[in-house]
Each structure stands twice: as C-alpha cells, then as structure tokens.
Amino acid sequence: MTTPIALTIAGSDSGGGAGIQADLKAFSALGAYGCSVITALTAQNTQGVQGIADVEPAFIRQQMESVFSDIPVQAIKIGMLSRTDSINAVADGLEGQRNKPIVLDPVMVATSGDRLLQDEAIATLKARLIPMASLITPNMMEAAVLLGCPVPETSSDMEKMVEPLMALGCQAVLVKGGHLTEAESTDILFDGTDIYHLRSQRIQTQNTHGTGCTLSSAITALLARGFSLPDAVKTAKDYISEAIAHADSLTIGKGHGPVHHFYQWWN
C-alpha cells in the first residue's frame, strides 16, 4: 500500500492552533502523513500575534527541494505567504509538481478585517499561485479582496462570486461563509461544472482559532488519500464542523482557543 502523504507550506503558530501545527494535526486526524515547509515563524498565542519572523525565500526553496527530492508527496496545501518574494519562491518550487492536487488557502484578511497582504503581494498571488491551484479556499472577505468587490452579505451573493474567482485561473473554488449572519454556515463549492451548497449548523463558541487552516488541510489530506474533490470537501466540512463543536471541551489559553482536531480520539 502507498502511504498517503500531504505537504503543508505555511507559517508556524507557536500557540499550536493554526498554521503548520493545525495542518499537521488535521493531516494526522484524517489519515495522511504530514510534511512541512515553514515560510514564517510567529510568536503567537490564543490572544493574538506578538511577533513575526519571515523565513528567507532561498531557504523556503531549500525546504521544498529537500521534501520533493525524497518523499512522494500526493497533495499540497499552501497557507499564508506574507511577502512577494516568498510567493515567488513557492511558485518556482512547485513548477514540477503541477500534476498533484494543490490547495491554496489565500490568507489575506485578519478576523478584525485588516489586510494581511499588501497589494503587490496580492497581485503576485493572483498571477503566480492561483493559476497553479486545484482548489482555492477564500473566506468571503478574501474572495471580495481577490475580486475587488464588496463583501457578500448572503450565501446568494457568495454564489455569484464563484465563476469570477474561477476566471483567475484555478480549477475549483470553495468560498467559505462562516462569517455570514445566516442561521446556517454555508460554504459554496464550484468545480467548474457543478455548484455545491455545503451547509452546517452554526456553532456558538469563541474557540475557532485555526478553522480555515484546518479545513483546507483536511481537504488536502483527503485528496492525498484519493478522494474526489467534492467528496474531499464534503468530508472535510463534516470534520471541521465536529472539531468546532468539540472545541469547548479543550481548555487552551485565555483567548480564542483552537478547534479540537482529535475529538474522535481524546476523552
């Protein structure tokens, strides 16, 4: 049997709830072996980010070359890349990997609504990485930044965004509606042919740190295992819903805690 192997290219979260740490936990929970390329270090906890140290682009490339030269990665997840040089380094390193599923989580807007990427970096992301992606997973605010349009207010507004997002060059789009005020949390998947409305009960908890990272990495793990894209997204949506539902069973820090990646195994 071939071991399912997934690679995450993202920043480190010293608090363990998001970024590389969340990705590796989600890979493990969903049956894939996880490798990592770290693009930035953060001093971070449940109350916020206290510091960021970017990894030099040449060393990002060296990490990628080390993994790809030895380990048969089956699917790749890309998280936050804070600099234009880092985006270019990752794009260059992926040139020989286009035959594999690539899931891009375009982290560009903080929960506060603040932009995390400058316009130049967003332009590079659109020009270099989005056309490589098998799937992009923006939340509704990030989708609005990519399209230069108002933030959607309803799931119907979100649905109107999927075709323009596809026109950026990716193969499929998942727009996440967790920030909507509707009774259900609705994500919309468009695979180029069909539109899927993925609905789940909205869960009241402050412990949602790492939700976006976890969803995109869960999808990546399932693609590495050979799931079709719609089945991978649906199964990952069920997984993150349960991880959020069980988040309050953890006591982590004084602020916004993480989702429970291992709810199925921990008592």
Protein backbone atom coordinates (compact mmCIF):
# COMPACT_ATOMS: atom_id res chain seq x y z
CA MET A 1 0.00 0.00 0.00
CA THR A 2 1.10 3.57 -0.72
CA THR A 3 1.23 5.82 2.33
CA PRO A 4 -0.88 8.97 1.76
CA ILE A 5 1.49 11.93 2.13
CA ALA A 6 0.47 15.59 2.29
CA LEU A 7 2.71 18.66 2.39
CA THR A 8 1.85 21.97 4.02
CA ILE A 9 3.64 25.17 3.01
CA ALA A 10 2.72 27.77 5.63
CA GLY A 11 3.72 29.70 8.74
CA SER A 12 4.26 28.32 12.22
CA ASP A 13 1.86 29.15 15.07
CA SER A 14 3.69 28.85 18.40
CA GLY A 15 0.30 28.55 20.13
CA GLY A 16 -0.42 25.39 18.14
CA GLY A 17 -3.91 26.28 16.92
CA ALA A 18 -3.37 27.42 13.35
CA GLY A 19 -0.77 27.38 10.60
CA ILE A 20 1.66 24.47 10.24
CA GLN A 21 0.63 22.99 13.58
CA ALA A 22 -3.08 22.88 12.69
CA ASP A 23 -2.27 21.48 9.26
CA LEU A 24 -0.20 18.61 10.62
CA LYS A 25 -2.87 17.79 13.20
CA ALA A 26 -5.58 17.72 10.54
CA PHE A 27 -3.43 15.58 8.23
CA SER A 28 -2.92 13.07 11.05
CA ALA A 29 -6.57 13.07 12.10
CA LEU A 30 -7.65 12.29 8.54
CA GLY A 31 -5.15 9.55 7.78
CA ALA A 32 -2.32 11.26 5.92
CA TYR A 33 1.38 11.56 6.80
CA GLY A 34 2.34 15.22 7.04
CA CYS A 35 5.43 17.03 5.77
CA SER A 36 6.02 20.75 6.16
CA VAL A 37 7.76 23.75 4.64
CA ILE A 38 7.81 26.68 7.07
CA THR A 39 7.52 30.13 5.48
CA ALA A 40 7.42 32.24 8.66
CA LEU A 41 7.72 31.95 12.42
CA THR A 42 5.21 33.63 14.69
CA ALA A 43 5.23 34.42 18.39
CA GLN A 44 1.55 33.75 18.89
CA ASN A 45 -1.00 32.56 21.44
CA THR A 46 -4.78 32.48 21.84
CA GLN A 47 -4.82 36.23 22.46
CA GLY A 48 -3.02 37.36 19.32
CA VAL A 49 0.24 37.60 17.39
CA GLN A 50 3.15 39.20 19.20
CA GLY A 51 5.81 38.84 16.53
CA ILE A 52 6.58 37.52 13.04
CA ALA A 53 9.92 36.44 11.55
CA ASP A 54 9.84 35.63 7.83
CA VAL A 55 11.91 32.75 6.50
CA GLU A 56 14.24 33.76 3.68
CA PRO A 57 12.88 32.76 0.25
CA ALA A 58 16.03 30.77 -0.60
CA PHE A 59 15.51 28.62 2.50
CA ILE A 60 11.83 28.11 1.64
CA ARG A 61 13.01 26.72 -1.70
CA GLN A 62 15.62 24.55 0.01
CA GLN A 63 12.96 23.00 2.27
CA MET A 64 10.75 22.29 -0.76
CA GLU A 65 13.62 20.71 -2.68
CA SER A 66 14.53 18.52 0.30
CA VAL A 67 10.99 17.18 0.57
CA PHE A 68 10.31 16.70 -3.14
CA SER A 69 13.69 15.04 -3.83
CA ASP A 70 12.98 12.23 -1.39
CA ILE A 71 9.33 11.97 -0.36
CA PRO A 72 6.46 11.11 -2.77
CA VAL A 73 4.02 13.85 -1.79
CA GLN A 74 0.50 13.25 -3.13
CA ALA A 75 -1.17 16.57 -2.28
CA ILE A 76 -0.03 20.05 -1.28
CA LYS A 77 -1.62 22.76 0.87
CA ILE A 78 -0.41 26.37 0.76
CA GLY A 79 -1.24 28.72 3.61
CA MET A 80 -0.25 32.29 4.40
CA LEU A 81 2.64 33.79 2.45
CA SER A 82 3.33 37.29 3.66
CA ARG A 83 5.81 38.58 1.07
CA THR A 84 6.04 38.79 -2.71
CA ASP A 85 9.47 37.10 -2.63
CA SER A 86 8.04 34.19 -0.63
CA ILE A 87 5.15 33.76 -3.06
CA ASN A 88 7.55 33.68 -5.99
CA ALA A 89 9.80 31.18 -4.20
CA VAL A 90 6.89 28.81 -3.58
CA ALA A 91 5.60 29.18 -7.15
CA ASP A 92 9.06 28.41 -8.53
CA GLY A 93 9.36 25.37 -6.27
CA LEU A 94 6.01 24.00 -7.42
CA GLU A 95 6.74 24.13 -11.15
CA GLY A 96 7.49 20.41 -11.23
CA GLN A 97 4.50 19.48 -9.04
CA ARG A 98 1.58 20.62 -11.19
CA ASN A 99 0.33 17.04 -11.62
CA LYS A 100 -0.60 16.92 -7.91
CA PRO A 101 -3.61 18.44 -6.15
CA ILE A 102 -2.65 21.89 -4.82
CA VAL A 103 -4.99 23.51 -2.30
CA LEU A 104 -4.41 27.24 -1.82
CA ASP A 105 -5.85 28.95 1.25
CA PRO A 106 -5.33 32.62 0.32
CA VAL A 107 -4.96 34.06 3.81
CA MET A 108 -5.19 37.81 3.22
CA VAL A 109 -7.62 39.28 5.77
CA ALA A 110 -7.45 39.04 9.56
CA THR A 111 -10.54 38.30 11.65
CA SER A 112 -10.52 42.00 12.53
CA GLY A 113 -10.92 42.83 8.85
CA ASP A 114 -7.36 44.16 8.50
CA ARG A 115 -5.43 43.34 5.33
CA LEU A 116 -2.53 40.94 5.93
CA LEU A 117 -1.04 41.31 2.44
CA GLN A 118 -0.02 44.40 0.54
CA ASP A 119 -1.41 44.99 -2.96
CA GLU A 120 1.84 43.88 -4.62
CA ALA A 121 1.78 40.54 -2.81
CA ILE A 122 -1.90 40.01 -3.67
CA ALA A 123 -1.15 40.69 -7.33
CA THR A 124 1.69 38.15 -7.26
CA LEU A 125 -0.54 35.57 -5.57
CA LYS A 126 -3.11 36.04 -8.34
CA ALA A 127 -0.53 35.90 -11.11
CA ARG A 128 1.65 33.01 -9.89
CA LEU A 129 -0.10 30.72 -7.41
CA ILE A 130 -3.84 30.85 -8.11
CA PRO A 131 -3.35 29.53 -11.68
CA MET A 132 -1.47 26.56 -10.18
CA ALA A 133 -4.22 25.70 -7.71
CA SER A 134 -6.54 22.74 -7.98
CA LEU A 135 -8.70 24.49 -5.38
CA ILE A 136 -8.68 27.89 -3.68
CA THR A 137 -10.49 28.29 -0.34
CA PRO A 138 -11.06 32.00 0.36
CA ASN A 139 -13.46 33.14 3.03
CA MET A 140 -15.99 35.70 1.86
CA MET A 141 -13.77 38.66 2.83
CA GLU A 142 -10.77 37.24 0.98
CA ALA A 143 -12.95 36.49 -2.04
CA ALA A 144 -14.01 40.14 -2.06
CA VAL A 145 -10.36 41.28 -1.98
CA LEU A 146 -9.46 38.96 -4.86
CA LEU A 147 -12.32 40.30 -6.97
CA GLY A 148 -12.17 43.92 -5.82
CA CYS A 149 -15.85 43.89 -4.90
CA PRO A 150 -17.99 44.39 -1.76
CA VAL A 151 -18.03 41.66 0.89
CA PRO A 152 -21.07 39.42 0.29
CA GLU A 153 -23.95 39.62 2.74
CA THR A 154 -25.79 36.39 1.86
CA SER A 155 -24.99 32.95 0.51
CA SER A 156 -26.66 34.01 -2.74
CA ASP A 157 -24.13 36.83 -3.02
CA MET A 158 -21.36 34.29 -2.40
CA GLU A 159 -22.63 32.07 -5.20
CA LYS A 160 -22.25 34.94 -7.66
CA MET A 161 -18.53 35.11 -6.84
CA VAL A 162 -17.51 31.58 -7.80
CA GLU A 163 -17.33 31.97 -11.57
CA PRO A 164 -15.34 35.24 -11.44
CA LEU A 165 -12.95 33.56 -8.98
CA MET A 166 -12.57 30.60 -11.35
CA ALA A 167 -11.67 33.08 -14.07
CA LEU A 168 -8.48 33.84 -12.11
CA GLY A 169 -7.17 30.50 -13.39
CA CYS A 170 -7.75 27.90 -10.67
CA GLN A 171 -9.54 24.61 -11.29
CA ALA A 172 -12.11 24.88 -8.46
CA VAL A 173 -13.30 27.35 -5.81
CA LEU A 174 -14.62 26.94 -2.27
CA VAL A 175 -15.98 30.20 -0.84
CA LYS A 176 -16.41 29.93 2.94
CA GLY A 177 -19.37 31.66 4.58
CA GLY A 178 -18.56 31.22 8.25
CA HIS A 179 -18.72 34.99 8.81
CA LEU A 180 -22.27 35.35 7.46
CA THR A 181 -25.07 36.06 9.90
CA GLU A 182 -27.44 33.48 8.41
CA ALA A 183 -28.77 30.67 10.61
CA GLU A 184 -26.62 28.06 8.88
CA SER A 185 -22.95 28.20 7.97
CA THR A 186 -22.84 27.77 4.19
CA ASP A 187 -19.77 27.12 2.04
CA ILE A 188 -20.10 27.08 -1.74
CA LEU A 189 -18.00 24.77 -3.93
CA PHE A 190 -17.74 25.18 -7.70
CA ASP A 191 -15.69 22.55 -9.55
CA GLY A 192 -16.10 24.09 -12.98
CA THR A 193 -19.23 22.07 -13.71
CA ASP A 194 -21.41 21.82 -10.61
CA ILE A 195 -22.14 24.13 -7.68
CA TYR A 196 -22.48 22.53 -4.24
CA HIS A 197 -24.00 24.24 -1.20
CA LEU A 198 -22.41 22.76 1.91
CA ARG A 199 -24.45 23.68 4.96
CA SER A 200 -23.86 23.01 8.63
CA GLN A 201 -25.33 24.15 11.92
CA ARG A 202 -23.77 27.38 13.18
CA ILE A 203 -21.98 26.59 16.46
CA GLN A 204 -21.71 29.21 19.21
CA THR A 205 -18.15 29.17 20.58
CA GLN A 206 -15.22 31.57 20.80
CA ASN A 207 -12.80 28.70 20.19
CA THR A 208 -12.47 28.81 16.41
CA HIS A 209 -8.78 29.64 16.01
CA GLY A 210 -7.33 27.80 13.02
CA THR A 211 -10.66 26.93 11.40
CA GLY A 212 -9.63 27.98 7.89
CA CYS A 213 -6.21 26.32 8.10
CA THR A 214 -7.78 23.13 9.37
CA LEU A 215 -10.45 22.94 6.67
CA SER A 216 -8.01 23.42 3.78
CA SER A 217 -5.53 20.94 5.24
CA ALA A 218 -8.33 18.40 5.86
CA ILE A 219 -9.27 18.66 2.19
CA THR A 220 -5.61 18.19 1.24
CA ALA A 221 -5.26 15.06 3.39
CA LEU A 222 -8.34 13.51 1.78
CA LEU A 223 -7.12 14.35 -1.73
CA ALA A 224 -3.83 12.65 -0.84
CA ARG A 225 -5.88 9.58 0.07
CA GLY A 226 -7.53 9.57 -3.34
CA PHE A 227 -10.90 11.17 -2.58
CA SER A 228 -12.62 13.04 -5.40
CA LEU A 229 -12.71 16.80 -4.90
CA PRO A 230 -16.43 17.03 -4.00
CA ASP A 231 -16.15 14.10 -1.57
CA ALA A 232 -12.97 15.52 -0.03
CA VAL A 233 -14.61 18.91 0.54
CA LYS A 234 -17.82 17.43 1.96
CA THR A 235 -15.94 15.09 4.31
CA ALA A 236 -13.61 17.91 5.42
CA LYS A 237 -16.62 20.16 6.07
CA ASP A 238 -18.12 17.47 8.33
CA TYR A 239 -14.77 17.11 10.10
CA ILE A 240 -14.29 20.82 10.81
CA SER A 241 -17.90 21.14 11.99
CA GLU A 242 -17.30 18.42 14.58
CA ALA A 243 -13.91 19.89 15.53
CA ILE A 244 -15.62 23.22 16.23
CA ALA A 245 -18.49 21.54 18.08
CA HIS A 246 -15.98 19.85 20.42
CA ALA A 247 -13.69 22.90 20.81
CA ASP A 248 -15.10 23.87 24.20
CA SER A 249 -14.01 20.53 25.66
CA LEU A 250 -10.43 21.87 25.47
CA THR A 251 -9.03 24.49 27.84
CA ILE A 252 -6.25 26.23 25.93
CA GLY A 253 -5.16 29.75 26.85
CA LYS A 254 -7.17 32.80 27.85
CA GLY A 255 -8.41 33.99 24.44
CA HIS A 256 -9.76 32.37 21.27
CA GLY A 257 -8.77 28.74 21.58
CA PRO A 258 -8.30 26.17 18.83
CA VAL A 259 -10.74 23.70 17.36
CA HIS A 260 -10.44 20.12 18.60
CA HIS A 261 -8.54 18.29 15.85
CA PHE A 262 -8.58 14.97 17.70
CA TYR A 263 -12.14 14.97 19.03
CA GLN A 264 -12.63 11.40 17.82
CA TRP A 265 -9.78 10.03 19.95
CA TRP A 266 -9.45 12.18 23.05
CA ASN A 267 -11.76 11.70 26.02
